[in-house]
Structure formats: C-alpha cells, structure tokens
C-alpha cells in the first residue's frame, strides 16, 4: 500500500506528536560506543539507536543527505539503510529528505526518482529560487510532501529573503503566497520557516492557512519554542513539524548517547504539547 505523507503526518498530529528528529549524523561526532568496523555500519548503528530511542515520540525523521554524501558510497548506502530502517521499525513515521533541491525540470525529475524511489523518502525540501515550473516533478508525486524553503533559520537569511518584490512585498511572503495559490494544486505543498524568525513565521502562517510548516532552528540554533508555536500553529492548534537535530542526537558523546537523546526528545515533546 502506498504511503501518503500528509496522512501519516495527520495521524501523528492526532497522537499529539509534533517533534521531528533531524538525523544529521556527522561521522566525526558519533560517539565511540556506536563505532563499528566501517563508515556505513557506524552511521547505521548510530541512527538505529537514535530511532529506537525516539520513534514513539516523533511525527517525522529528517535526514540531511549532506552528512551522508560527504562519506561517498558508504555514506549514501547508510542513508538508504537508515530510511529503510524507519520504514521497517516505525512504518507510521514519515521520512523527510532535507535535500533542498533546486534545478531545471529534467534534473529535478532525476532528483525525484532518487528521493522517492531509490531512497524511499516520504517528503523532500526544495528551493524555489528557479520558480515553480521546475518543481513540477516533485509536486506531481501527490502522495509525497514537497516542503518549499520560505524563510530559513540562518543569520544571513534576510539578505535575499527579505528583499522587496511586486509592489513592496517581501520575497519570503511572495514565496508563501505562491506555495498556497500556485503550487498546492495536489494538496502536497508545505513550507519551511526558521524558528529564529517568529515574526516572519506568524506572517507566513496567515498567508498559507492550514498548510503544514516545517520549523527549523529549535535546539542548537536557539529558536524560542513558545514564541514559535504560538506564531506558527494553524487554526486547529497543529500544523507544525518542529525539528531538532544536533541538540537531540548529540545530547551525549558517551555510551549513554541513545538514552540522552531520548531524554532530550521527551523534554521537547512535552514542552511542545504544553505550549500548544
């Protein structure tokens, strides 16, 4: 049976789960206790331990392929095995490939095959800088989530994203409006906003209505959780995928890394439920 990203997500929201754990598994930071005989098995062993420790708390997992591609063939194999493991042990949890893809349509067709068929992800992050037309290969997969970068969490985000366009509207607002009015024909479009910009998040929520919003920047980037949730929740007091990566998966560098990750995930899960 085909997996539908939005259905999986809604089910997790029904369970009161809004936490997304980013599997940004930097090989240099993986604790000695998870080390195996080679790169692939080390990354997979670490990820499996994190997944086993947190799978009952999350609404999604979000691996960033940069941390895997940097390790060559072994790293890519580890990414594929990691997603396969989620599908095996937590089949009700969607996987977001945080690839931020952006290219012409023929190239995006190949990126879509890689993300959704080779890796078997349920959603992907994309960059709208080339416009909506080349994103068609992603949007055509109506059972898959397409998460459009709208206002990112990094300090330099305003350099381009806050530029005025079309009669003075900020570029990130124009992207949000396009996501809702032009690109969501199959109901599978989402947007990504940084928790480090709660005011912009609130403005985007007003524009996109009840579309899902992926929130980045909670945890290591010090986004304010309460302000973020208040600004970003939809009319049903849900609609959010709240990601934390390094603050959870590298909560400890010791043998207790999985236990520490669970404790961090539990604390954030409870804080989100309380704030919503």
Protein backbone atom coordinates (compact mmCIF):
# COMPACT_ATOMS: atom_id res chain seq x y z
CA UNK A 1 0.00 0.00 0.00
CA UNK A 2 1.34 3.43 -0.97
CA UNK A 3 2.42 5.76 1.83
CA UNK A 4 0.85 9.21 1.87
CA UNK A 5 2.93 11.89 3.61
CA UNK A 6 0.03 14.11 4.67
CA UNK A 7 -1.98 11.16 6.01
CA UNK A 8 0.98 9.92 8.03
CA UNK A 9 1.57 13.41 9.38
CA UNK A 10 -2.08 13.97 10.32
CA UNK A 11 -2.11 10.67 12.20
CA UNK A 12 0.91 11.74 14.22
CA UNK A 13 -0.70 15.10 14.98
CA UNK A 14 -3.81 13.22 16.14
CA UNK A 15 -1.49 11.45 18.61
CA UNK A 16 -0.19 14.81 19.84
CA UNK A 17 3.23 14.38 18.24
CA UNK A 18 4.90 17.36 16.54
CA UNK A 19 8.60 16.66 17.10
CA UNK A 20 10.82 15.88 14.12
CA UNK A 21 14.29 14.48 14.81
CA UNK A 22 16.90 15.53 12.28
CA UNK A 23 19.30 12.70 11.56
CA UNK A 24 22.25 14.95 10.69
CA UNK A 25 24.68 12.20 11.58
CA UNK A 26 28.10 13.82 11.32
CA UNK A 27 30.58 10.93 11.40
CA UNK A 28 33.11 12.98 13.38
CA UNK A 29 30.62 13.44 16.23
CA UNK A 30 29.34 9.89 16.52
CA UNK A 31 30.25 8.52 19.96
CA UNK A 32 32.84 5.78 20.32
CA UNK A 33 30.16 3.46 21.70
CA UNK A 34 28.45 3.42 18.30
CA UNK A 35 31.62 2.87 16.27
CA UNK A 36 31.72 -0.18 14.02
CA UNK A 37 34.20 -1.63 11.55
CA UNK A 38 33.48 0.83 8.74
CA UNK A 39 31.75 4.13 7.92
CA UNK A 40 28.49 2.65 6.68
CA UNK A 41 27.87 0.38 9.64
CA UNK A 42 28.95 3.09 12.12
CA UNK A 43 26.42 5.61 10.78
CA UNK A 44 23.67 2.99 10.53
CA UNK A 45 24.31 1.68 14.06
CA UNK A 46 24.18 5.21 15.46
CA UNK A 47 21.00 6.09 13.58
CA UNK A 48 19.27 2.86 14.55
CA UNK A 49 19.99 3.54 18.22
CA UNK A 50 18.57 7.08 17.92
CA UNK A 51 15.50 5.84 16.04
CA UNK A 52 14.85 3.03 18.54
CA UNK A 53 15.11 5.53 21.41
CA UNK A 54 12.76 8.15 19.93
CA UNK A 55 10.35 6.52 17.48
CA UNK A 56 7.36 6.67 19.85
CA UNK A 57 7.81 10.44 20.36
CA UNK A 58 8.17 11.83 16.84
CA UNK A 59 5.99 12.92 13.95
CA UNK A 60 8.86 12.57 11.44
CA UNK A 61 12.55 11.94 10.89
CA UNK A 62 14.60 14.31 8.73
CA UNK A 63 17.99 13.14 7.44
CA UNK A 64 20.08 15.76 5.64
CA UNK A 65 21.92 13.97 2.79
CA UNK A 66 24.98 16.24 3.08
CA UNK A 67 26.17 14.29 6.12
CA UNK A 68 25.92 11.05 4.13
CA UNK A 69 27.07 12.16 0.67
CA UNK A 70 30.24 13.55 2.27
CA UNK A 71 31.23 9.95 3.05
CA UNK A 72 30.91 8.71 -0.51
CA UNK A 73 29.33 5.39 -1.45
CA UNK A 74 29.35 4.15 2.14
CA UNK A 75 27.55 7.26 3.32
CA UNK A 76 24.88 7.05 0.61
CA UNK A 77 24.36 3.38 1.47
CA UNK A 78 23.98 4.38 5.13
CA UNK A 79 21.33 6.95 4.21
CA UNK A 80 19.37 4.39 2.23
CA UNK A 81 19.64 1.82 5.05
CA UNK A 82 18.61 4.40 7.63
CA UNK A 83 15.39 5.25 5.76
CA UNK A 84 14.71 1.55 5.22
CA UNK A 85 15.09 1.02 8.97
CA UNK A 86 12.50 3.71 9.76
CA UNK A 87 10.09 2.10 7.28
CA UNK A 88 10.68 -1.26 8.97
CA UNK A 89 10.51 -0.41 12.69
CA UNK A 90 8.37 2.75 12.58
CA UNK A 91 6.26 2.43 9.40
CA UNK A 92 3.81 5.06 10.66
CA UNK A 93 6.54 7.74 10.85
CA UNK A 94 7.24 9.74 7.66
CA UNK A 95 10.77 10.50 6.49
CA UNK A 96 11.66 13.96 5.15
CA UNK A 97 14.76 14.14 2.95
CA UNK A 98 16.22 17.56 3.76
CA UNK A 99 17.94 17.91 0.39
CA UNK A 100 16.87 21.48 -0.53
CA UNK A 101 16.90 20.53 -4.21
CA UNK A 102 16.76 23.22 -6.90
CA UNK A 103 17.40 22.75 -10.60
CA UNK A 104 15.80 22.68 -14.04
CA UNK A 105 12.91 20.31 -14.66
CA UNK A 106 14.90 17.49 -16.32
CA UNK A 107 17.33 17.39 -13.40
CA UNK A 108 14.55 17.58 -10.83
CA UNK A 109 12.93 14.55 -12.46
CA UNK A 110 16.06 12.61 -11.52
CA UNK A 111 16.17 14.13 -8.03
CA UNK A 112 12.56 13.00 -7.52
CA UNK A 113 13.43 9.45 -8.56
CA UNK A 114 16.40 9.45 -6.21
CA UNK A 115 14.43 10.79 -3.24
CA UNK A 116 11.18 8.89 -3.62
CA UNK A 117 12.16 5.65 -5.36
CA UNK A 118 15.81 4.94 -4.60
CA UNK A 119 15.81 6.31 -1.05
CA UNK A 120 12.03 5.90 -0.43
CA UNK A 121 11.58 9.20 1.43
CA UNK A 122 8.05 10.50 2.03
CA UNK A 123 8.87 14.19 1.55
CA UNK A 124 11.64 16.45 0.36
CA UNK A 125 12.71 20.05 0.95
CA UNK A 126 13.11 22.16 -2.20
CA UNK A 127 14.47 25.61 -3.04
CA UNK A 128 12.09 27.81 -5.08
CA UNK A 129 14.75 30.14 -6.49
CA UNK A 130 14.26 28.73 -10.03
CA UNK A 131 10.49 29.25 -9.84
CA UNK A 132 7.58 26.85 -9.57
CA UNK A 133 7.77 25.33 -13.08
CA UNK A 134 10.88 23.15 -12.49
CA UNK A 135 9.41 21.85 -9.21
CA UNK A 136 6.67 20.01 -11.12
CA UNK A 137 8.38 16.57 -10.90
CA UNK A 138 8.13 16.82 -7.10
CA UNK A 139 4.57 18.19 -6.96
CA UNK A 140 3.38 15.55 -9.42
CA UNK A 141 4.04 12.92 -6.73
CA UNK A 142 0.80 13.74 -4.94
CA UNK A 143 1.38 11.23 -2.13
CA UNK A 144 4.72 12.89 -1.32
CA UNK A 145 5.32 16.08 0.65
CA UNK A 146 7.11 18.97 -1.06
CA UNK A 147 8.45 21.41 1.52
CA UNK A 148 9.36 24.77 -0.01
CA UNK A 149 12.03 26.88 1.67
CA UNK A 150 10.32 30.12 2.60
CA UNK A 151 12.32 31.85 5.35
CA UNK A 152 15.32 29.91 6.62
CA UNK A 153 16.82 29.93 10.11
CA UNK A 154 20.38 31.08 9.33
CA UNK A 155 21.59 34.57 10.35
CA UNK A 156 22.05 35.66 6.73
CA UNK A 157 18.55 34.67 5.64
CA UNK A 158 17.35 38.26 5.29
CA UNK A 159 19.96 39.12 2.65
CA UNK A 160 17.71 37.81 -0.12
CA UNK A 161 14.56 36.56 1.57
CA UNK A 162 13.57 39.99 2.87
CA UNK A 163 14.08 41.81 -0.42
CA UNK A 164 11.02 43.71 -1.62
CA UNK A 165 9.29 42.48 -4.78
CA UNK A 166 5.94 43.07 -6.51
CA UNK A 167 4.89 46.37 -5.03
CA UNK A 168 6.95 46.10 -1.86
CA UNK A 169 6.01 42.64 -0.59
CA UNK A 170 8.90 40.75 0.98
CA UNK A 171 10.25 37.89 -1.12
CA UNK A 172 9.54 35.25 1.54
CA UNK A 173 5.89 36.35 1.65
CA UNK A 174 5.71 36.10 -2.13
CA UNK A 175 7.07 32.54 -1.89
CA UNK A 176 4.48 31.68 0.77
CA UNK A 177 1.70 33.13 -1.39
CA UNK A 178 2.89 31.18 -4.43
CA UNK A 179 3.04 27.99 -2.35
CA UNK A 180 -0.60 28.38 -1.40
CA UNK A 181 -2.09 29.86 -4.57
CA UNK A 182 0.03 28.33 -7.37
CA UNK A 183 1.89 25.25 -6.24
CA UNK A 184 -0.54 23.40 -3.98
CA UNK A 185 -2.81 22.02 -6.69
CA UNK A 186 -2.38 18.45 -5.44
CA UNK A 187 -2.53 19.41 -1.75
CA UNK A 188 1.02 18.23 -1.07
CA UNK A 189 2.85 21.55 -0.70
CA UNK A 190 4.32 22.62 2.65
CA UNK A 191 6.69 25.43 3.62
CA UNK A 192 9.76 25.69 5.82
CA UNK A 193 10.36 28.59 8.24
CA UNK A 194 13.14 29.13 10.76
CA UNK A 195 12.20 29.28 14.43
CA UNK A 196 14.76 32.06 14.75
CA UNK A 197 12.30 34.38 12.92
CA UNK A 198 8.98 34.05 14.82
CA UNK A 199 7.53 37.30 13.46
CA UNK A 200 8.05 36.16 9.88
CA UNK A 201 6.65 32.74 10.82
CA UNK A 202 3.42 34.34 12.03
CA UNK A 203 3.10 36.33 8.82
CA UNK A 204 3.62 33.21 6.72
CA UNK A 205 1.02 31.27 8.71
CA UNK A 206 -1.56 33.96 7.90
CA UNK A 207 -0.73 33.59 4.20
CA UNK A 208 -0.63 29.78 3.87
CA UNK A 209 -3.62 28.95 6.07
CA UNK A 210 -3.52 25.41 7.43
CA UNK A 211 -0.69 24.13 5.23
CA UNK A 212 1.98 22.17 7.14
CA UNK A 213 5.02 24.19 8.21
CA UNK A 214 8.40 22.62 8.91
CA UNK A 215 10.12 24.56 11.69
CA UNK A 216 13.91 24.57 11.73
CA UNK A 217 16.24 26.13 14.29
CA UNK A 218 14.86 24.78 17.58
CA UNK A 219 17.63 23.44 19.79
CA UNK A 220 21.21 24.14 18.67
CA UNK A 221 20.16 27.32 16.83
CA UNK A 222 18.29 28.64 19.89
CA UNK A 223 14.89 29.30 18.39
CA UNK A 224 12.31 30.30 21.02
CA UNK A 225 9.88 27.38 21.29
CA UNK A 226 6.91 29.14 22.90
CA UNK A 227 7.00 32.11 20.50
CA UNK A 228 7.47 29.74 17.58
CA UNK A 229 4.49 27.55 18.42
CA UNK A 230 2.23 30.50 19.14
CA UNK A 231 3.14 32.14 15.83
CA UNK A 232 3.13 29.00 13.73
CA UNK A 233 0.22 26.83 14.82
CA UNK A 234 -2.75 26.58 12.48
CA UNK A 235 -6.45 27.06 13.21
CA UNK A 236 -6.57 23.57 14.74
CA UNK A 237 -3.59 24.22 17.05
CA UNK A 238 -1.47 21.87 14.98
CA UNK A 239 0.09 22.12 11.50
CA UNK A 240 3.71 22.11 12.69
CA UNK A 241 6.69 19.82 12.19
CA UNK A 242 9.13 21.02 14.85
CA UNK A 243 12.64 19.87 14.01
CA UNK A 244 15.59 19.47 16.34
CA UNK A 245 18.75 17.75 15.18
CA UNK A 246 22.10 18.19 16.93
CA UNK A 247 20.60 19.04 20.32
CA UNK A 248 18.95 15.61 20.40
CA UNK A 249 21.17 13.18 18.51
CA UNK A 250 24.40 14.50 20.05
CA UNK A 251 23.00 15.11 23.54
CA UNK A 252 25.79 12.89 24.86
CA UNK A 253 29.10 11.75 23.42
CA UNK A 254 29.25 8.84 25.86
CA UNK A 255 27.88 5.31 25.87
CA UNK A 256 24.55 6.70 27.09
CA UNK A 257 24.03 8.67 23.82
CA UNK A 258 20.74 6.95 22.96
CA UNK A 259 19.34 7.39 26.48
CA UNK A 260 20.39 11.05 26.47
CA UNK A 261 18.78 11.53 23.06
CA UNK A 262 15.53 10.08 24.34
CA UNK A 263 15.60 12.36 27.38
CA UNK A 264 16.09 15.43 25.18
CA UNK A 265 13.35 14.26 22.81
CA UNK A 266 10.95 13.61 25.73
CA UNK A 267 11.62 17.07 27.18
CA UNK A 268 10.99 18.78 23.85
CA UNK A 269 7.93 16.63 23.10
CA UNK A 270 6.40 17.60 26.46
CA UNK A 271 7.30 21.27 26.01
CA UNK A 272 5.63 21.35 22.60
CA UNK A 273 2.44 19.71 23.90
CA UNK A 274 2.33 22.13 26.84
CA UNK A 275 2.88 25.20 24.65
CA UNK A 276 0.29 24.18 22.04
